[in-house]
Protein backbone atom coordinates (compact mmCIF):
# COMPACT_ATOMS: atom_id res chain seq x y z
CA MET A 1 -13.71 32.28 30.56
CA PRO A 2 -14.05 28.42 30.36
CA MET A 3 -15.89 26.70 31.53
CA LYS A 4 -13.46 24.23 33.95
CA PHE A 5 -14.12 27.24 36.35
CA LEU A 6 -17.65 26.39 38.17
CA ILE A 7 -19.68 29.07 38.79
CA PHE A 8 -18.35 30.29 42.13
CA LEU A 9 -18.64 33.61 43.87
CA LEU A 10 -16.55 34.30 47.00
CA PHE A 11 -18.46 35.49 50.02
CA SER A 12 -16.83 37.08 52.62
CA LEU A 13 -17.44 39.65 55.13
CA SER A 14 -17.29 41.82 53.27
CA VAL A 15 -18.61 41.63 49.44
CA LEU A 16 -17.11 43.98 46.55
CA LEU A 17 -19.59 44.76 44.52
CA LEU A 18 -20.14 46.53 41.13
CA PRO A 19 -21.18 49.90 42.10
CA ALA A 20 -25.06 49.28 40.01
CA CYS A 21 -25.34 46.41 41.93
CA SER A 22 -27.74 46.24 44.68
CA VAL A 23 -26.89 45.62 48.41
CA VAL A 24 -28.79 44.15 51.16
CA SER A 25 -27.44 45.30 54.99
CA ASP A 26 -27.89 43.59 58.32
CA LYS A 27 -27.34 46.73 60.58
CA GLN A 28 -26.50 43.81 63.43
CA ASN A 29 -23.27 42.71 62.00
CA SER A 30 -23.11 44.86 59.12
CA GLU A 31 -22.26 42.33 56.96
CA LYS A 32 -23.00 42.90 53.44
CA ASN A 33 -24.96 40.35 50.99
CA VAL A 34 -24.83 39.95 47.15
CA SER A 35 -28.67 39.63 46.18
CA THR A 36 -30.03 37.10 43.95
CA ASP A 37 -30.77 40.16 40.83
CA ALA A 38 -27.38 41.53 41.80
CA VAL A 39 -25.53 38.64 41.18
CA ALA A 40 -27.07 37.60 38.24
CA LYS A 41 -26.87 41.39 37.46
CA LEU A 42 -22.43 41.37 37.61
CA TRP A 43 -22.63 37.21 35.50
CA SER A 44 -24.62 39.01 32.72
CA ILE A 45 -21.81 42.45 33.16
CA ALA A 46 -19.19 39.84 32.71
CA ARG A 47 -20.32 37.94 29.92
CA PRO A 48 -17.62 38.09 27.39
CA GLN A 49 -18.15 40.96 24.57
CA VAL A 50 -15.84 40.41 21.95
CA GLU A 51 -16.44 43.55 20.02
CA ALA A 52 -14.75 44.70 22.46
CA PHE A 53 -11.46 42.73 22.05
CA ASP A 54 -11.61 43.25 18.12
CA ASP A 55 -13.01 46.78 18.33
CA ARG A 56 -11.39 49.23 20.38
CA ASN A 57 -14.52 52.30 19.94
CA ALA A 58 -16.59 48.77 21.97
CA ALA A 59 -14.02 48.63 24.47
CA GLN A 60 -14.03 52.46 24.92
CA SER A 61 -17.56 52.47 25.51
CA LEU A 62 -17.92 49.80 27.75
CA LYS A 63 -20.22 50.81 30.93
CA TYR A 64 -17.43 49.37 33.22
CA ALA A 65 -14.01 48.89 33.23
CA SER A 66 -12.72 45.93 31.88
CA LEU A 67 -10.50 43.30 31.16
CA LYS A 68 -9.49 40.84 28.53
CA VAL A 69 -8.68 38.12 30.36
CA ASP A 70 -6.95 34.02 29.47
CA VAL A 71 -6.41 31.79 32.34
CA ASP A 72 -3.72 28.41 31.80
CA GLY A 73 -5.10 29.13 27.95
CA GLY A 74 -8.67 28.23 28.31
CA GLY A 75 -9.66 30.82 26.33
CA LEU A 76 -10.45 35.10 26.74
CA GLY A 77 -13.04 35.81 28.69
CA THR A 78 -13.73 39.35 30.07
CA MET A 79 -14.11 40.76 34.13
CA VAL A 80 -15.41 43.55 35.19
CA LEU A 81 -14.52 46.05 38.11
CA ALA A 82 -16.71 45.22 41.37
CA MET A 83 -14.86 47.68 43.57
CA HIS A 84 -12.22 50.23 43.56
CA THR A 85 -9.99 50.90 46.69
CA SER A 86 -6.73 51.96 48.55
CA LEU A 87 -6.22 48.49 48.63
CA GLY A 88 -6.63 47.65 44.30
CA GLN A 89 -9.19 47.08 41.89
CA GLN A 90 -11.17 43.89 42.30
CA TRP A 91 -12.21 41.93 39.32
CA HIS A 92 -14.69 39.34 38.95
CA SER A 93 -15.84 36.87 36.08
CA ALA A 94 -19.64 35.56 34.67
CA ASP A 95 -18.44 32.16 36.49
CA GLY A 96 -17.05 33.11 39.39
CA PHE A 97 -13.69 33.50 38.64
CA SER A 98 -12.04 36.87 40.44
CA LEU A 99 -8.72 38.78 41.40
CA THR A 100 -6.99 41.57 42.93
CA THR A 101 -4.98 43.88 41.16
CA PHE A 102 -2.72 46.69 42.72
CA ASP A 103 0.00 48.72 40.59
CA GLY A 104 -0.92 46.12 37.79
CA ARG A 105 0.51 42.81 39.90
CA PHE A 106 -1.83 40.23 41.15
CA SER A 107 -2.33 40.51 45.21
CA GLN A 108 -5.42 38.07 45.05
CA PHE A 109 -7.26 35.69 43.82
CA TYR A 110 -10.23 33.15 43.53
CA VAL A 111 -11.15 29.79 41.59
CA PRO A 112 -13.33 27.42 42.53
CA GLY A 113 -10.80 25.18 44.92
CA LEU A 114 -7.89 27.70 45.04
CA ASP A 115 -8.35 30.80 47.64
CA LEU A 116 -5.04 32.42 47.28
CA SER A 117 -5.11 36.17 48.99
CA ARG A 118 -2.76 38.35 50.37
CA ILE A 119 0.27 38.61 48.37
CA GLU A 120 2.07 41.62 49.42
CA ILE A 121 5.22 42.77 48.74
CA SER A 122 6.86 44.48 52.09
CA PRO A 123 5.73 47.79 53.13
CA LEU A 124 9.34 48.63 53.45
CA PHE A 125 10.41 48.10 49.56
CA ALA A 126 8.44 51.49 49.36
CA ASN A 127 10.11 51.79 45.64
CA TYR A 128 9.60 48.37 44.36
CA ASN A 129 7.84 49.54 41.42
CA PHE A 130 7.79 50.11 37.61
CA ARG A 131 8.99 53.55 37.58
CA ALA A 132 12.40 52.76 39.46
CA ALA A 133 13.13 49.81 37.78
CA HIS A 134 13.15 52.58 35.18
CA CYS A 135 15.37 54.30 36.65
CA PHE A 136 17.72 51.31 38.10
CA LYS A 137 17.16 48.79 35.79
CA ALA A 138 16.11 47.40 38.57
CA VAL A 139 15.06 46.38 42.01
CA LYS A 140 13.83 43.62 45.03
CA ALA A 141 12.08 43.18 47.50
CA ALA A 142 11.06 40.57 49.59
CA PHE A 143 7.12 39.42 49.56
CA GLU A 144 4.79 37.66 51.49
CA VAL A 145 1.98 34.78 49.76
CA ASP A 146 -1.06 33.55 52.30
CA ASN A 147 -2.46 30.74 50.46
CA ASP A 148 -5.54 29.57 52.38
CA THR A 149 -6.73 26.52 50.71
CA ALA A 150 -3.18 24.79 51.51
CA HIS A 151 -3.19 26.62 55.08
CA ARG A 152 0.23 28.02 54.16
CA PHE A 153 0.31 31.77 55.99
CA LYS A 154 3.41 34.52 55.80
CA VAL A 155 5.37 32.47 53.23
CA LEU A 156 8.58 34.22 52.11
CA GLY A 157 8.94 35.03 48.85
CA GLN A 158 11.92 37.02 46.46
CA ALA A 159 11.22 38.94 43.52
CA VAL A 160 13.46 41.52 41.10
CA LEU A 161 11.50 43.37 38.74
CA ALA A 162 13.57 44.53 35.74
CA PHE A 163 12.83 46.83 33.03
CA GLU A 164 13.66 44.37 29.53
CA GLY A 165 13.41 47.99 27.26
CA VAL A 166 10.92 49.27 25.08
CA VAL A 167 8.58 46.97 22.44
CA GLN A 168 5.91 46.95 20.23
CA ARG A 169 2.81 45.31 21.49
CA GLU A 170 -0.82 44.83 18.66
CA TYR A 171 -3.97 45.86 20.73
CA TRP A 172 -6.62 46.03 18.03
CA GLY A 173 -4.72 44.92 15.49
CA GLN A 174 -2.81 48.73 15.32
CA PRO A 175 0.93 49.19 17.12
CA ALA A 176 2.35 50.52 20.14
CA THR A 177 5.63 51.49 21.78
CA MET A 178 5.20 49.93 25.65
CA LEU A 179 7.90 49.41 28.45
CA HIS A 180 8.64 45.62 28.62
CA PHE A 181 9.52 45.18 32.43
CA THR A 182 10.15 41.27 34.00
CA GLU A 183 9.93 40.01 37.47
CA SER A 184 11.54 37.17 38.73
CA VAL A 185 9.25 35.08 41.66
CA SER A 186 11.03 32.85 43.88
CA ILE A 187 9.71 30.77 47.48
CA LYS A 188 12.77 28.53 48.23
CA THR A 189 10.55 26.88 50.50
CA LEU A 190 8.58 25.84 47.52
CA GLY A 191 10.57 25.09 45.07
CA PHE A 192 9.27 27.45 43.16
CA GLU A 193 10.69 29.83 39.79
CA HIS A 194 8.78 32.06 37.75
CA THR A 195 8.53 34.89 35.57
CA ASN A 196 6.46 37.37 36.17
CA HIS A 197 5.79 39.80 32.49
CA TYR A 198 4.16 43.26 32.27
CA TRP A 199 3.75 45.39 29.48
CA VAL A 200 3.70 48.93 30.67
CA LEU A 201 2.08 52.40 29.01
CA PRO A 202 5.35 55.09 28.81
CA ASP A 203 3.62 57.73 30.28
CA SER A 204 2.03 57.01 33.23
CA TYR A 205 3.43 53.61 34.05
CA TYR A 206 -0.13 51.97 34.07
CA VAL A 207 -0.18 48.33 33.16
CA TRP A 208 -1.96 47.44 30.20
CA GLU A 209 -0.56 43.54 29.69
CA SER A 210 0.46 41.57 32.04
CA GLU A 211 1.01 37.58 32.24
CA GLN A 212 1.05 36.29 36.47
CA GLN A 213 1.57 33.47 38.34
CA TRP A 214 2.51 33.09 42.46
CA TRP A 215 2.33 30.58 43.24
CA PRO A 216 2.89 27.07 41.70
CA THR A 217 -0.55 25.31 41.63
CA ALA A 218 -1.97 28.97 40.41
CA PRO A 219 -2.91 28.85 37.13
CA LEU A 220 -1.02 31.16 34.87
CA THR A 221 -2.84 33.89 33.91
CA TYR A 222 -2.61 36.84 31.30
CA TYR A 223 -4.91 40.20 30.52
CA GLN A 224 -5.08 42.87 28.59
CA VAL A 225 -6.80 45.70 29.73
CA LEU A 226 -10.08 46.86 27.51
CA LYS A 227 -11.19 49.83 29.30
CA PRO A 228 -8.59 50.94 32.51
CA TRP A 229 -10.48 51.75 35.38
CA LYS A 230 -8.64 55.32 35.20
CA GLU A 231 -7.82 58.10 33.19
CA VAL A 232 -5.37 57.23 31.16
CA LEU A 233 -4.03 57.67 27.69
CA TYR A 234 -5.14 54.47 24.85
CA PRO A 235 -2.42 52.87 23.40
């Protein structure tokens, strides 16, 4: 992860932790705090493991679900899974960069100086997903974005998820057949338009690789799965 990001870890009323990390609980207010040992362990685990970038067996043997991530072209780093819930998967880097994914899409995003949270596709659009876009060629939905740093809340946007076709990608030096989807994002009140990209496993519609941006000041962020958080076939 780029060194331009200062060491940072988000503390809130509920802190998401690696399963192996210890937690100090305050029974009076039910808040959870990260112990010094837990923070050190998290950063240590999330250190770049370059052998997993180049070797599939090394990636599969990683202890925790992991991503290979690049933020604004600053160089590749590793993120590890901190918590999996029904609301998504939260990932942490060694230098405090944090994001949450849901169905492969960023739903929360934290870097020093930017707290971009609760990117929500409206629940009225249950069919806004890769399977539906594959079947119907394209689906669209409204969404809302909160940016706590900018004090902007429930900013309305529109998104169109489109199936672009079957493509060949390369992972660990080997070709892989993937489904390519684009997502056209528009937030008119900010004058912001961007196209996100997703490369998806054909059998499970699991997002294996993606490049996304959801806010004008948010960095363009790329990730590729090294070890998935659920059982899926490797490409």
